[in-house]
Amino acid sequence: MRLSELSRQSGVATATVKFYLREGLLPPGRRITATQAEYGEEHLRRLRLVRALIQVGGVSVASAREVLTALDNDLLDHNERLGTAVWALPHGRPADAGDPATGTARQRADRLLELLGWGYGPADDVRPPAYGMLVNAIATLERLGYPCAVEDLEPYAHAMGRLAVHDLDLVERYGGTADEQVEAAVALTVLYEPVLLALRRLAEAEESRRRFGTQ
């Protein structure tokens, strides 16, 4: 297909496709003239992944390039490729190591993960960005005096563990190629988070109605 057709099928503007080509996020097409190139299905799959990373996931061009490099690295297994992609997503500010609440939060996060038997990801000595998110969240609860003991957090973790099984089922169902599954892991992580938030609030409203409603 020509560049215009690649743009149409992917839903990515032609100018953006050209930018991705210049940045090396998309491999060059097969030259057919001095000014025109031809692109195939592999370009379409890779372009959809780049779109998921940058336009949906908010990943920087530099981070997207790292994800694509990992995807093409035959020494990495599929778990490491998926992990690299999801770790590249924005995860907020790092924890404030000087805050006493952060130290308490870190201890609780470590205890919780130990109870669950969860590792830290592709490299056992490297904690994923989501670990920092968890520490920050617990530290905020601690500072404001809300319940955040390990026993308060554990039910949420078990619920997320069950959801993770469904998440990976969706990823596997979405596509058969490595590119498609990495794209799905990024896009579904980002796009389903508002779904989870909305369903939680609806469920809380329903439980409140059952407990405290007058009818």
N, C-alpha and C. Protein backbone atom coordinates (compact mmCIF):
# COMPACT_ATOMS: atom_id res chain seq x y z
N MET A 1 0.85 -1.19 0.00
CA MET A 1 0.00 0.00 0.00
C MET A 1 0.88 1.24 0.00
N ARG A 2 0.33 2.35 -0.50
CA ARG A 2 1.04 3.61 -0.49
C ARG A 2 0.86 4.29 0.87
N LEU A 3 1.59 5.37 1.08
CA LEU A 3 1.55 6.07 2.36
C LEU A 3 0.14 6.54 2.70
N SER A 4 -0.58 7.05 1.71
CA SER A 4 -1.93 7.54 1.96
C SER A 4 -2.85 6.43 2.42
N GLU A 5 -2.69 5.24 1.85
CA GLU A 5 -3.52 4.09 2.24
C GLU A 5 -3.13 3.61 3.63
N LEU A 6 -1.84 3.63 3.94
CA LEU A 6 -1.37 3.27 5.28
C LEU A 6 -1.98 4.22 6.31
N SER A 7 -2.02 5.49 5.98
CA SER A 7 -2.62 6.48 6.87
C SER A 7 -4.11 6.22 7.06
N ARG A 8 -4.80 5.93 5.97
CA ARG A 8 -6.24 5.70 6.04
C ARG A 8 -6.56 4.47 6.87
N GLN A 9 -5.86 3.38 6.63
CA GLN A 9 -6.17 2.13 7.32
C GLN A 9 -5.82 2.19 8.80
N SER A 10 -4.79 2.94 9.15
CA SER A 10 -4.34 3.01 10.55
C SER A 10 -5.07 4.07 11.34
N GLY A 11 -5.67 5.06 10.65
CA GLY A 11 -6.29 6.18 11.33
C GLY A 11 -5.30 7.20 11.83
N VAL A 12 -4.06 7.14 11.34
CA VAL A 12 -3.01 8.08 11.73
C VAL A 12 -2.77 9.04 10.58
N ALA A 13 -2.75 10.33 10.87
CA ALA A 13 -2.58 11.34 9.82
C ALA A 13 -1.28 11.13 9.06
N THR A 14 -1.30 11.47 7.78
CA THR A 14 -0.12 11.28 6.93
C THR A 14 1.10 11.99 7.48
N ALA A 15 0.91 13.21 7.95
CA ALA A 15 2.04 13.97 8.50
C ALA A 15 2.63 13.26 9.72
N THR A 16 1.75 12.65 10.52
CA THR A 16 2.22 11.92 11.70
C THR A 16 2.97 10.66 11.31
N VAL A 17 2.49 9.97 10.28
CA VAL A 17 3.19 8.79 9.79
C VAL A 17 4.59 9.17 9.32
N LYS A 18 4.69 10.28 8.60
CA LYS A 18 6.00 10.75 8.13
C LYS A 18 6.92 11.08 9.31
N PHE A 19 6.35 11.65 10.36
CA PHE A 19 7.14 11.96 11.56
C PHE A 19 7.66 10.68 12.19
N TYR A 20 6.81 9.67 12.30
CA TYR A 20 7.23 8.39 12.88
C TYR A 20 8.33 7.74 12.04
N LEU A 21 8.23 7.89 10.73
CA LEU A 21 9.27 7.36 9.84
C LEU A 21 10.59 8.09 10.08
N ARG A 22 10.55 9.41 10.20
CA ARG A 22 11.77 10.18 10.44
C ARG A 22 12.41 9.83 11.77
N GLU A 23 11.57 9.53 12.77
CA GLU A 23 12.07 9.24 14.11
C GLU A 23 12.51 7.77 14.26
N GLY A 24 12.34 6.99 13.20
CA GLY A 24 12.75 5.60 13.27
C GLY A 24 11.79 4.70 14.02
N LEU A 25 10.57 5.17 14.30
CA LEU A 25 9.58 4.35 14.99
C LEU A 25 8.88 3.41 14.03
N LEU A 26 8.99 3.71 12.77
CA LEU A 26 8.39 2.90 11.72
C LEU A 26 9.46 2.59 10.69
N PRO A 27 9.66 1.33 10.31
CA PRO A 27 10.70 1.02 9.33
C PRO A 27 10.36 1.60 7.96
N PRO A 28 11.36 1.97 7.19
CA PRO A 28 11.08 2.54 5.86
C PRO A 28 10.39 1.53 4.96
N GLY A 29 9.60 2.05 4.04
CA GLY A 29 8.93 1.18 3.08
C GLY A 29 9.87 0.78 1.95
N ARG A 30 9.37 -0.08 1.09
CA ARG A 30 10.15 -0.52 -0.07
C ARG A 30 10.06 0.54 -1.16
N ARG A 31 11.20 1.07 -1.57
CA ARG A 31 11.23 2.13 -2.57
C ARG A 31 10.76 1.62 -3.92
N ILE A 32 9.81 2.36 -4.54
CA ILE A 32 9.37 2.02 -5.88
C ILE A 32 9.72 3.11 -6.88
N THR A 33 9.90 4.35 -6.38
CA THR A 33 10.43 5.45 -7.19
C THR A 33 11.32 6.28 -6.25
N ALA A 34 11.88 7.33 -6.80
CA ALA A 34 12.74 8.20 -5.97
C ALA A 34 11.94 8.90 -4.88
N THR A 35 10.65 9.07 -5.08
CA THR A 35 9.84 9.83 -4.12
C THR A 35 8.72 9.02 -3.48
N GLN A 36 8.57 7.76 -3.86
CA GLN A 36 7.46 6.97 -3.34
C GLN A 36 7.97 5.63 -2.81
N ALA A 37 7.25 5.13 -1.79
CA ALA A 37 7.58 3.84 -1.21
C ALA A 37 6.29 3.05 -1.00
N GLU A 38 6.46 1.75 -0.85
CA GLU A 38 5.33 0.86 -0.66
C GLU A 38 5.42 0.24 0.73
N TYR A 39 4.26 0.10 1.39
CA TYR A 39 4.22 -0.41 2.76
C TYR A 39 3.33 -1.64 2.84
N GLY A 40 3.63 -2.50 3.81
CA GLY A 40 2.89 -3.75 3.94
C GLY A 40 2.17 -3.86 5.27
N GLU A 41 1.61 -5.06 5.52
CA GLU A 41 0.86 -5.29 6.74
C GLU A 41 1.72 -5.13 7.99
N GLU A 42 3.03 -5.45 7.87
CA GLU A 42 3.90 -5.29 9.04
C GLU A 42 4.02 -3.82 9.44
N HIS A 43 3.96 -2.91 8.45
CA HIS A 43 3.99 -1.48 8.76
C HIS A 43 2.70 -1.06 9.45
N LEU A 44 1.59 -1.62 8.99
CA LEU A 44 0.29 -1.28 9.58
C LEU A 44 0.24 -1.74 11.04
N ARG A 45 0.71 -2.96 11.31
CA ARG A 45 0.73 -3.46 12.69
C ARG A 45 1.63 -2.60 13.57
N ARG A 46 2.82 -2.27 13.07
CA ARG A 46 3.74 -1.48 13.88
C ARG A 46 3.20 -0.06 14.10
N LEU A 47 2.53 0.49 13.09
CA LEU A 47 1.97 1.84 13.23
C LEU A 47 0.86 1.86 14.28
N ARG A 48 0.06 0.82 14.32
CA ARG A 48 -0.99 0.75 15.34
C ARG A 48 -0.39 0.66 16.73
N LEU A 49 0.72 -0.05 16.86
CA LEU A 49 1.40 -0.13 18.14
C LEU A 49 1.96 1.23 18.54
N VAL A 50 2.61 1.92 17.61
CA VAL A 50 3.16 3.24 17.90
C VAL A 50 2.05 4.19 18.31
N ARG A 51 0.92 4.13 17.63
CA ARG A 51 -0.23 4.98 17.99
C ARG A 51 -0.71 4.67 19.40
N ALA A 52 -0.77 3.38 19.74
CA ALA A 52 -1.21 3.00 21.09
C ALA A 52 -0.27 3.55 22.14
N LEU A 53 1.04 3.46 21.87
CA LEU A 53 2.02 3.93 22.83
C LEU A 53 1.96 5.44 23.02
N ILE A 54 1.99 6.18 21.90
CA ILE A 54 2.14 7.63 21.97
C ILE A 54 0.80 8.35 22.13
N GLN A 55 -0.18 8.00 21.29
CA GLN A 55 -1.43 8.74 21.29
C GLN A 55 -2.39 8.29 22.39
N VAL A 56 -2.37 6.99 22.72
CA VAL A 56 -3.26 6.48 23.76
C VAL A 56 -2.54 6.47 25.11
N GLY A 57 -1.31 5.93 25.11
CA GLY A 57 -0.60 5.76 26.36
C GLY A 57 0.13 6.98 26.85
N GLY A 58 0.31 8.00 26.01
CA GLY A 58 1.02 9.19 26.43
C GLY A 58 2.51 8.98 26.62
N VAL A 59 3.06 7.97 25.95
CA VAL A 59 4.49 7.64 26.06
C VAL A 59 5.28 8.59 25.17
N SER A 60 6.45 9.01 25.62
CA SER A 60 7.30 9.88 24.81
C SER A 60 7.87 9.12 23.62
N VAL A 61 8.34 9.87 22.63
CA VAL A 61 8.93 9.25 21.45
C VAL A 61 10.15 8.41 21.86
N ALA A 62 10.96 8.95 22.76
CA ALA A 62 12.15 8.21 23.20
C ALA A 62 11.77 6.91 23.89
N SER A 63 10.75 6.95 24.75
CA SER A 63 10.31 5.73 25.44
C SER A 63 9.68 4.75 24.46
N ALA A 64 8.93 5.27 23.49
CA ALA A 64 8.34 4.39 22.48
C ALA A 64 9.43 3.67 21.70
N ARG A 65 10.52 4.38 21.40
CA ARG A 65 11.64 3.76 20.67
C ARG A 65 12.25 2.63 21.50
N GLU A 66 12.34 2.81 22.82
CA GLU A 66 12.87 1.76 23.69
C GLU A 66 11.96 0.54 23.69
N VAL A 67 10.65 0.77 23.71
CA VAL A 67 9.70 -0.34 23.67
C VAL A 67 9.85 -1.12 22.37
N LEU A 68 9.96 -0.41 21.25
CA LEU A 68 10.09 -1.07 19.96
C LEU A 68 11.39 -1.84 19.86
N THR A 69 12.45 -1.30 20.44
CA THR A 69 13.73 -2.00 20.45
C THR A 69 13.61 -3.30 21.24
N ALA A 70 12.91 -3.23 22.38
CA ALA A 70 12.70 -4.44 23.18
C ALA A 70 11.86 -5.46 22.43
N LEU A 71 10.86 -4.97 21.72
CA LEU A 71 9.98 -5.87 20.98
C LEU A 71 10.76 -6.65 19.92
N ASP A 72 11.76 -6.01 19.33
CA ASP A 72 12.54 -6.64 18.27
C ASP A 72 13.74 -7.43 18.80
N ASN A 73 13.91 -7.43 20.12
CA ASN A 73 15.05 -8.13 20.73
C ASN A 73 14.69 -9.59 20.95
N ASP A 74 15.29 -10.48 20.18
CA ASP A 74 14.98 -11.90 20.28
C ASP A 74 15.45 -12.53 21.59
N LEU A 75 16.28 -11.82 22.35
CA LEU A 75 16.76 -12.36 23.63
C LEU A 75 15.73 -12.19 24.74
N LEU A 76 14.71 -11.34 24.51
CA LEU A 76 13.67 -11.12 25.51
C LEU A 76 12.49 -12.04 25.26
N ASP A 77 11.89 -12.55 26.34
CA ASP A 77 10.68 -13.34 26.16
C ASP A 77 9.46 -12.41 26.09
N HIS A 78 8.30 -13.01 25.86
CA HIS A 78 7.10 -12.20 25.64
C HIS A 78 6.72 -11.44 26.90
N ASN A 79 6.94 -12.04 28.06
CA ASN A 79 6.65 -11.36 29.32
C ASN A 79 7.48 -10.08 29.44
N GLU A 80 8.76 -10.15 29.09
CA GLU A 80 9.63 -8.98 29.18
C GLU A 80 9.22 -7.91 28.18
N ARG A 81 8.78 -8.33 27.00
CA ARG A 81 8.33 -7.34 26.00
C ARG A 81 7.07 -6.62 26.48
N LEU A 82 6.11 -7.39 26.99
CA LEU A 82 4.88 -6.76 27.50
C LEU A 82 5.21 -5.85 28.68
N GLY A 83 6.09 -6.32 29.57
CA GLY A 83 6.45 -5.51 30.74
C GLY A 83 7.12 -4.21 30.35
N THR A 84 8.00 -4.27 29.37
CA THR A 84 8.69 -3.05 28.91
C THR A 84 7.68 -2.03 28.40
N ALA A 85 6.68 -2.49 27.67
CA ALA A 85 5.68 -1.59 27.11
C ALA A 85 4.83 -0.94 28.21
N VAL A 86 4.33 -1.74 29.14
CA VAL A 86 3.46 -1.20 30.18
C VAL A 86 4.26 -0.33 31.15
N TRP A 87 5.52 -0.70 31.41
CA TRP A 87 6.35 0.12 32.29
C TRP A 87 6.62 1.49 31.69
N ALA A 88 6.58 1.60 30.36
CA ALA A 88 6.86 2.88 29.70
C ALA A 88 5.72 3.88 29.89
N LEU A 89 4.53 3.43 30.29
CA LEU A 89 3.41 4.34 30.48
C LEU A 89 3.71 5.33 31.61
N PRO A 90 3.13 6.53 31.56
CA PRO A 90 3.33 7.48 32.66
C PRO A 90 2.80 6.92 33.98
N HIS A 91 3.57 7.06 35.04
CA HIS A 91 3.19 6.53 36.35
C HIS A 91 3.24 7.60 37.44
N GLY A 92 3.24 8.85 37.09
CA GLY A 92 3.22 9.91 38.10
C GLY A 92 4.60 10.18 38.68
N ARG A 93 4.61 11.02 39.69
CA ARG A 93 5.88 11.45 40.30
C ARG A 93 6.47 10.33 41.15
N PRO A 94 7.78 10.31 41.33
CA PRO A 94 8.40 9.31 42.22
C PRO A 94 8.09 9.61 43.68
N ALA A 95 8.19 8.59 44.50
CA ALA A 95 7.91 8.75 45.93
C ALA A 95 8.96 9.65 46.56
N ASP A 96 8.54 10.44 47.56
CA ASP A 96 9.43 11.34 48.30
C ASP A 96 10.13 10.54 49.39
N ALA A 97 11.38 10.19 49.16
CA ALA A 97 12.11 9.34 50.10
C ALA A 97 12.29 10.00 51.45
N GLY A 98 12.26 11.33 51.52
CA GLY A 98 12.46 12.03 52.78
C GLY A 98 11.22 12.15 53.64
N ASP A 99 10.07 11.75 53.12
CA ASP A 99 8.81 11.85 53.86
C ASP A 99 8.65 10.61 54.75
N PRO A 100 8.45 10.79 56.07
CA PRO A 100 8.27 9.62 56.94
C PRO A 100 7.11 8.72 56.50
N ALA A 101 6.06 9.33 55.96
CA ALA A 101 4.93 8.53 55.49
C ALA A 101 5.33 7.61 54.35
N THR A 102 6.31 8.03 53.55
CA THR A 102 6.78 7.20 52.45
C THR A 102 7.45 5.94 52.98
N GLY A 103 8.25 6.07 54.02
CA GLY A 103 8.89 4.89 54.60
C GLY A 103 7.88 3.90 55.12
N THR A 104 6.86 4.39 55.82
CA THR A 104 5.79 3.51 56.31
C THR A 104 5.05 2.85 55.15
N ALA A 105 4.76 3.65 54.13
CA ALA A 105 4.04 3.14 52.96
C ALA A 105 4.85 2.06 52.25
N ARG A 106 6.15 2.27 52.15
CA ARG A 106 7.00 1.29 51.48
C ARG A 106 7.00 -0.04 52.24
N GLN A 107 7.05 0.02 53.57
CA GLN A 107 7.01 -1.19 54.37
C GLN A 107 5.70 -1.94 54.16
N ARG A 108 4.60 -1.20 54.11
CA ARG A 108 3.29 -1.84 53.92
C ARG A 108 3.16 -2.43 52.52
N ALA A 109 3.65 -1.70 51.53
CA ALA A 109 3.61 -2.22 50.16
C ALA A 109 4.43 -3.50 50.05
N ASP A 110 5.62 -3.52 50.65
CA ASP A 110 6.47 -4.71 50.60
C ASP A 110 5.80 -5.88 51.31
N ARG A 111 5.18 -5.60 52.46
CA ARG A 111 4.50 -6.66 53.20
C ARG A 111 3.33 -7.21 52.41
N LEU A 112 2.58 -6.33 51.78
CA LEU A 112 1.43 -6.75 50.98
C LEU A 112 1.88 -7.64 49.83
N LEU A 113 2.90 -7.22 49.09
CA LEU A 113 3.38 -8.00 47.95
C LEU A 113 3.96 -9.33 48.41
N GLU A 114 4.57 -9.33 49.59
CA GLU A 114 5.10 -10.58 50.14
C GLU A 114 3.97 -11.55 50.45
N LEU A 115 2.90 -11.05 51.06
CA LEU A 115 1.75 -11.90 51.37
C LEU A 115 1.12 -12.48 50.11
N LEU A 116 1.08 -11.67 49.07
CA LEU A 116 0.47 -12.10 47.81
C LEU A 116 1.38 -13.05 47.02
N GLY A 117 2.68 -12.99 47.31
CA GLY A 117 3.62 -13.79 46.53
C GLY A 117 3.90 -13.20 45.17
N TRP A 118 3.72 -11.87 45.04
CA TRP A 118 3.95 -11.20 43.76
C TRP A 118 5.40 -10.77 43.65
N GLY A 119 6.00 -11.03 42.49
CA GLY A 119 7.34 -10.53 42.24
C GLY A 119 7.29 -9.11 41.75
N TYR A 120 8.44 -8.60 41.37
CA TYR A 120 8.54 -7.20 40.94
C TYR A 120 8.62 -7.05 39.43
N GLY A 121 8.57 -8.13 38.68
CA GLY A 121 8.58 -7.98 37.22
C GLY A 121 9.71 -8.73 36.56
N PRO A 122 10.06 -8.35 35.34
CA PRO A 122 11.06 -9.07 34.55
C PRO A 122 12.39 -9.27 35.28
N ALA A 123 12.86 -8.25 36.00
CA ALA A 123 14.10 -8.39 36.77
C ALA A 123 13.74 -8.31 38.25
N ASP A 124 14.08 -9.36 39.02
CA ASP A 124 13.63 -9.44 40.41
C ASP A 124 14.14 -8.31 41.28
N ASP A 125 15.27 -7.70 40.92
CA ASP A 125 15.82 -6.63 41.74
C ASP A 125 15.39 -5.24 41.28
N VAL A 126 14.48 -5.18 40.32
CA VAL A 126 14.00 -3.90 39.80
C VAL A 126 12.50 -3.81 40.05
N ARG A 127 12.08 -2.75 40.74
CA ARG A 127 10.66 -2.60 41.02
C ARG A 127 10.00 -1.81 39.90
N PRO A 128 8.84 -2.24 39.45
CA PRO A 128 8.17 -1.55 38.35
C PRO A 128 7.65 -0.18 38.79
N PRO A 129 7.38 0.71 37.84
CA PRO A 129 6.86 2.04 38.19
C PRO A 129 5.57 1.98 39.01
N ALA A 130 4.76 0.95 38.78
CA ALA A 130 3.50 0.85 39.53
C ALA A 130 3.75 0.67 41.02
N TYR A 131 4.91 0.14 41.39
CA TYR A 131 5.25 0.03 42.80
C TYR A 131 5.33 1.43 43.42
N GLY A 132 5.96 2.36 42.71
CA GLY A 132 6.02 3.73 43.20
C GLY A 132 4.65 4.36 43.32
N MET A 133 3.76 4.05 42.37
CA MET A 133 2.39 4.55 42.45
C MET A 133 1.71 4.06 43.73
N LEU A 134 1.91 2.77 44.02
CA LEU A 134 1.30 2.17 45.21
C LEU A 134 1.84 2.83 46.48
N VAL A 135 3.16 3.02 46.54
CA VAL A 135 3.76 3.66 47.71
C VAL A 135 3.21 5.07 47.89
N ASN A 136 3.12 5.83 46.81
CA ASN A 136 2.59 7.20 46.89
C ASN A 136 1.15 7.21 47.40
N ALA A 137 0.35 6.28 46.89
CA ALA A 137 -1.06 6.22 47.29
C ALA A 137 -1.20 5.88 48.77
N ILE A 138 -0.42 4.89 49.24
CA ILE A 138 -0.49 4.52 50.66
C ILE A 138 0.01 5.66 51.52
N ALA A 139 1.08 6.34 51.08
CA ALA A 139 1.62 7.46 51.86
C ALA A 139 0.60 8.57 52.00
N THR A 140 -0.15 8.86 50.95
CA THR A 140 -1.19 9.89 51.02
C THR A 140 -2.28 9.51 52.00
N LEU A 141 -2.72 8.24 51.95
CA LEU A 141 -3.71 7.77 52.91
C LEU A 141 -3.20 7.89 54.34
N GLU A 142 -1.93 7.53 54.53
CA GLU A 142 -1.32 7.60 55.86
C GLU A 142 -1.28 9.03 56.38
N ARG A 143 -0.85 9.96 55.53
CA ARG A 143 -0.75 11.36 55.94
C ARG A 143 -2.11 11.94 56.34
N LEU A 144 -3.16 11.51 55.63
CA LEU A 144 -4.50 12.07 55.87
C LEU A 144 -5.28 11.28 56.92
N GLY A 145 -4.69 10.21 57.43
CA GLY A 145 -5.31 9.47 58.52
C GLY A 145 -6.39 8.50 58.11
N TYR A 146 -6.40 8.05 56.85
CA TYR A 146 -7.39 7.09 56.40
C TYR A 146 -6.86 5.66 56.51
N PRO A 147 -7.76 4.66 56.59
CA PRO A 147 -7.31 3.27 56.75
C PRO A 147 -6.43 2.83 55.59
N CYS A 148 -5.25 2.31 55.90
CA CYS A 148 -4.34 1.83 54.85
C CYS A 148 -3.40 0.76 55.38
N ALA A 149 -3.86 0.01 56.38
CA ALA A 149 -3.08 -1.12 56.86
C ALA A 149 -3.08 -2.21 55.80
N VAL A 150 -2.18 -3.16 55.95
CA VAL A 150 -2.08 -4.23 54.96
C VAL A 150 -3.41 -4.96 54.80
N GLU A 151 -4.10 -5.19 55.93
CA GLU A 151 -5.39 -5.90 55.86
C GLU A 151 -6.46 -5.07 55.14
N ASP A 152 -6.30 -3.74 55.13
CA ASP A 152 -7.22 -2.89 54.36
C ASP A 152 -6.93 -2.98 52.86
N LEU A 153 -5.66 -3.14 52.52
CA LEU A 153 -5.24 -3.15 51.12
C LEU A 153 -5.39 -4.51 50.46
N GLU A 154 -5.31 -5.56 51.25
CA GLU A 154 -5.26 -6.91 50.68
C GLU A 154 -6.48 -7.27 49.83
N PRO A 155 -7.72 -6.93 50.25
CA PRO A 155 -8.87 -7.26 49.39
C PRO A 155 -8.79 -6.62 48.00
N TYR A 156 -8.26 -5.39 47.94
CA TYR A 156 -8.10 -4.73 46.64
C TYR A 156 -7.10 -5.49 45.78
N ALA A 157 -6.03 -5.95 46.41
CA ALA A 157 -5.00 -6.67 45.66
C ALA A 157 -5.55 -7.98 45.10
N HIS A 158 -6.32 -8.70 45.90
CA HIS A 158 -6.89 -9.96 45.42
C HIS A 158 -7.86 -9.71 44.25
N ALA A 159 -8.64 -8.63 44.36
CA ALA A 159 -9.55 -8.30 43.26
C ALA A 159 -8.77 -7.98 41.99
N MET A 160 -7.64 -7.24 42.13
CA MET A 160 -6.82 -6.91 40.97
C MET A 160 -6.16 -8.16 40.38
N GLY A 161 -5.81 -9.11 41.25
CA GLY A 161 -5.23 -10.35 40.75
C GLY A 161 -6.20 -11.09 39.84
N ARG A 162 -7.47 -11.12 40.24
CA ARG A 162 -8.48 -11.77 39.39
C ARG A 162 -8.68 -11.00 38.09
N LEU A 163 -8.65 -9.67 38.18
CA LEU A 163 -8.80 -8.86 36.97
C LEU A 163 -7.63 -9.04 36.02
N ALA A 164 -6.42 -9.24 36.58
CA ALA A 164 -5.24 -9.41 35.73
C ALA A 164 -5.37 -10.64 34.84
N VAL A 165 -5.99 -11.69 35.36
CA VAL A 165 -6.21 -12.89 34.54
C VAL A 165 -7.09 -12.54 33.34
N HIS A 166 -8.15 -11.78 33.60
CA HIS A 166 -9.04 -11.38 32.52
C HIS A 166 -8.33 -10.43 31.55
N ASP A 167 -7.53 -9.51 32.08
CA ASP A 167 -6.77 -8.58 31.23
C ASP A 167 -5.91 -9.33 30.23
N LEU A 168 -5.16 -10.31 30.73
CA LEU A 168 -4.25 -11.05 29.83
C LEU A 168 -5.02 -11.94 28.87
N ASP A 169 -6.20 -12.41 29.29
CA ASP A 169 -7.06 -13.15 28.36
C ASP A 169 -7.47 -12.24 27.20
N LEU A 170 -7.82 -10.99 27.51
CA LEU A 170 -8.19 -10.04 26.46
C LEU A 170 -7.02 -9.75 25.54
N VAL A 171 -5.83 -9.59 26.11
CA VAL A 171 -4.64 -9.32 25.31
C VAL A 171 -4.39 -10.47 24.34
N GLU A 172 -4.48 -11.69 24.83
CA GLU A 172 -4.23 -12.85 23.97
C GLU A 172 -5.31 -12.98 22.90
N ARG A 173 -6.56 -12.63 23.27
CA ARG A 173 -7.65 -12.74 22.31
C ARG A 173 -7.58 -11.68 21.23
N TYR A 174 -6.99 -10.53 21.55
CA TYR A 174 -6.97 -9.40 20.62
C TYR A 174 -6.15 -9.71 19.37
N GLY A 175 -5.00 -10.34 19.54
CA GLY A 175 -4.17 -10.56 18.37
C GLY A 175 -3.16 -11.67 18.58
N GLY A 176 -2.70 -12.21 17.47
CA GLY A 176 -1.76 -13.32 17.55
C GLY A 176 -0.31 -12.92 17.47
N THR A 177 -0.01 -11.76 16.86
CA THR A 177 1.39 -11.37 16.72
C THR A 177 1.87 -10.66 17.98
N ALA A 178 3.19 -10.62 18.15
CA ALA A 178 3.77 -9.94 19.31
C ALA A 178 3.40 -8.46 19.30
N ASP A 179 3.46 -7.82 18.13
CA ASP A 179 3.11 -6.40 18.02
C ASP A 179 1.68 -6.16 18.48
N GLU A 180 0.77 -7.00 18.01
CA GLU A 180 -0.64 -6.82 18.34
C GLU A 180 -0.89 -6.99 19.83
N GLN A 181 -0.21 -7.94 20.44
CA GLN A 181 -0.43 -8.17 21.87
C GLN A 181 0.18 -7.06 22.72
N VAL A 182 1.34 -6.54 22.31
CA VAL A 182 1.91 -5.41 23.03
C VAL A 182 1.01 -4.19 22.88
N GLU A 183 0.51 -3.97 21.66
CA GLU A 183 -0.44 -2.86 21.43
C GLU A 183 -1.64 -2.99 22.35
N ALA A 184 -2.20 -4.22 22.43
CA ALA A 184 -3.38 -4.45 23.26
C ALA A 184 -3.06 -4.23 24.73
N ALA A 185 -1.89 -4.67 25.18
CA ALA A 185 -1.52 -4.50 26.59
C ALA A 185 -1.48 -3.03 26.96
N VAL A 186 -0.92 -2.21 26.08
CA VAL A 186 -0.84 -0.77 26.34
C VAL A 186 -2.23 -0.13 26.27
N ALA A 187 -2.92 -0.36 25.17
CA ALA A 187 -4.21 0.30 24.95
C ALA A 187 -5.24 -0.12 25.99
N LEU A 188 -5.32 -1.41 26.29
CA LEU A 188 -6.32 -1.87 27.24
C LEU A 188 -6.00 -1.43 28.66
N THR A 189 -4.71 -1.36 29.00
CA THR A 189 -4.34 -0.85 30.32
C THR A 189 -4.85 0.57 30.50
N VAL A 190 -4.63 1.41 29.49
CA VAL A 190 -5.05 2.82 29.58
C VAL A 190 -6.56 2.97 29.45
N LEU A 191 -7.16 2.31 28.47
CA LEU A 191 -8.56 2.55 28.15
C LEU A 191 -9.52 1.89 29.13
N TYR A 192 -9.08 0.82 29.79
CA TYR A 192 -9.96 0.16 30.75
C TYR A 192 -9.88 0.77 32.15
N GLU A 193 -8.88 1.59 32.43
CA GLU A 193 -8.81 2.19 33.76
C GLU A 193 -10.02 3.08 34.06
N PRO A 194 -10.52 3.91 33.11
CA PRO A 194 -11.76 4.64 33.39
C PRO A 194 -12.96 3.71 33.58
N VAL A 195 -12.97 2.57 32.89
CA VAL A 195 -14.05 1.59 33.07
C VAL A 195 -14.04 1.07 34.50
N LEU A 196 -12.84 0.72 34.99
CA LEU A 196 -12.71 0.21 36.35
C LEU A 196 -13.17 1.26 37.37
N LEU A 197 -12.77 2.51 37.17
CA LEU A 197 -13.15 3.57 38.09
C LEU A 197 -14.67 3.76 38.09
N ALA A 198 -15.26 3.78 36.89
CA ALA A 198 -16.71 3.98 36.79
C ALA A 198 -17.48 2.83 37.45
N LEU A 199 -17.06 1.59 37.19
CA LEU A 199 -17.74 0.44 37.77
C LEU A 199 -17.59 0.40 39.28
N ARG A 200 -16.43 0.81 39.79
CA ARG A 200 -16.24 0.85 41.24
C ARG A 200 -17.22 1.83 41.87
N ARG A 201 -17.36 3.01 41.27
CA ARG A 201 -18.26 4.02 41.84
C ARG A 201 -19.71 3.58 41.75
N LEU A 202 -20.07 2.93 40.66
CA LEU A 202 -21.44 2.42 40.52
C LEU A 202 -21.70 1.32 41.55
N ALA A 203 -20.70 0.45 41.75
CA ALA A 203 -20.86 -0.63 42.72
C ALA A 203 -20.99 -0.07 44.14
N GLU A 204 -20.21 0.98 44.46
CA GLU A 204 -20.31 1.60 45.78
C GLU A 204 -21.69 2.24 45.98
N ALA A 205 -22.20 2.87 44.92
CA ALA A 205 -23.53 3.48 45.02
C ALA A 205 -24.59 2.41 45.27
N GLU A 206 -24.46 1.28 44.61
CA GLU A 206 -25.41 0.19 44.79
C GLU A 206 -25.32 -0.40 46.19
N GLU A 207 -24.10 -0.59 46.69
CA GLU A 207 -23.92 -1.13 48.04
C GLU A 207 -24.44 -0.15 49.09
N SER A 208 -24.22 1.15 48.85
CA SER A 208 -24.74 2.16 49.78
C SER A 208 -26.27 2.12 49.79
N ARG A 209 -26.86 1.96 48.61
CA ARG A 209 -28.33 1.89 48.54
C ARG A 209 -28.85 0.70 49.32
N ARG A 210 -28.15 -0.45 49.20
CA ARG A 210 -28.58 -1.65 49.91
C ARG A 210 -28.45 -1.50 51.43
N ARG A 211 -27.34 -0.86 51.85
CA ARG A 211 -27.10 -0.74 53.30
C ARG A 211 -27.88 0.37 53.96
N PHE A 212 -27.91 1.53 53.29
CA PHE A 212 -28.41 2.72 53.97
C PHE A 212 -29.68 3.31 53.35
N GLY A 213 -30.11 2.77 52.21
CA GLY A 213 -31.30 3.31 51.58
C GLY A 213 -32.54 3.04 52.40
N THR A 214 -33.53 3.88 52.23
CA THR A 214 -34.78 3.73 53.01
C THR A 214 -35.80 2.88 52.30
N GLN A 215 -35.56 2.55 51.02
CA GLN A 215 -36.52 1.72 50.29
C GLN A 215 -35.82 0.52 49.73
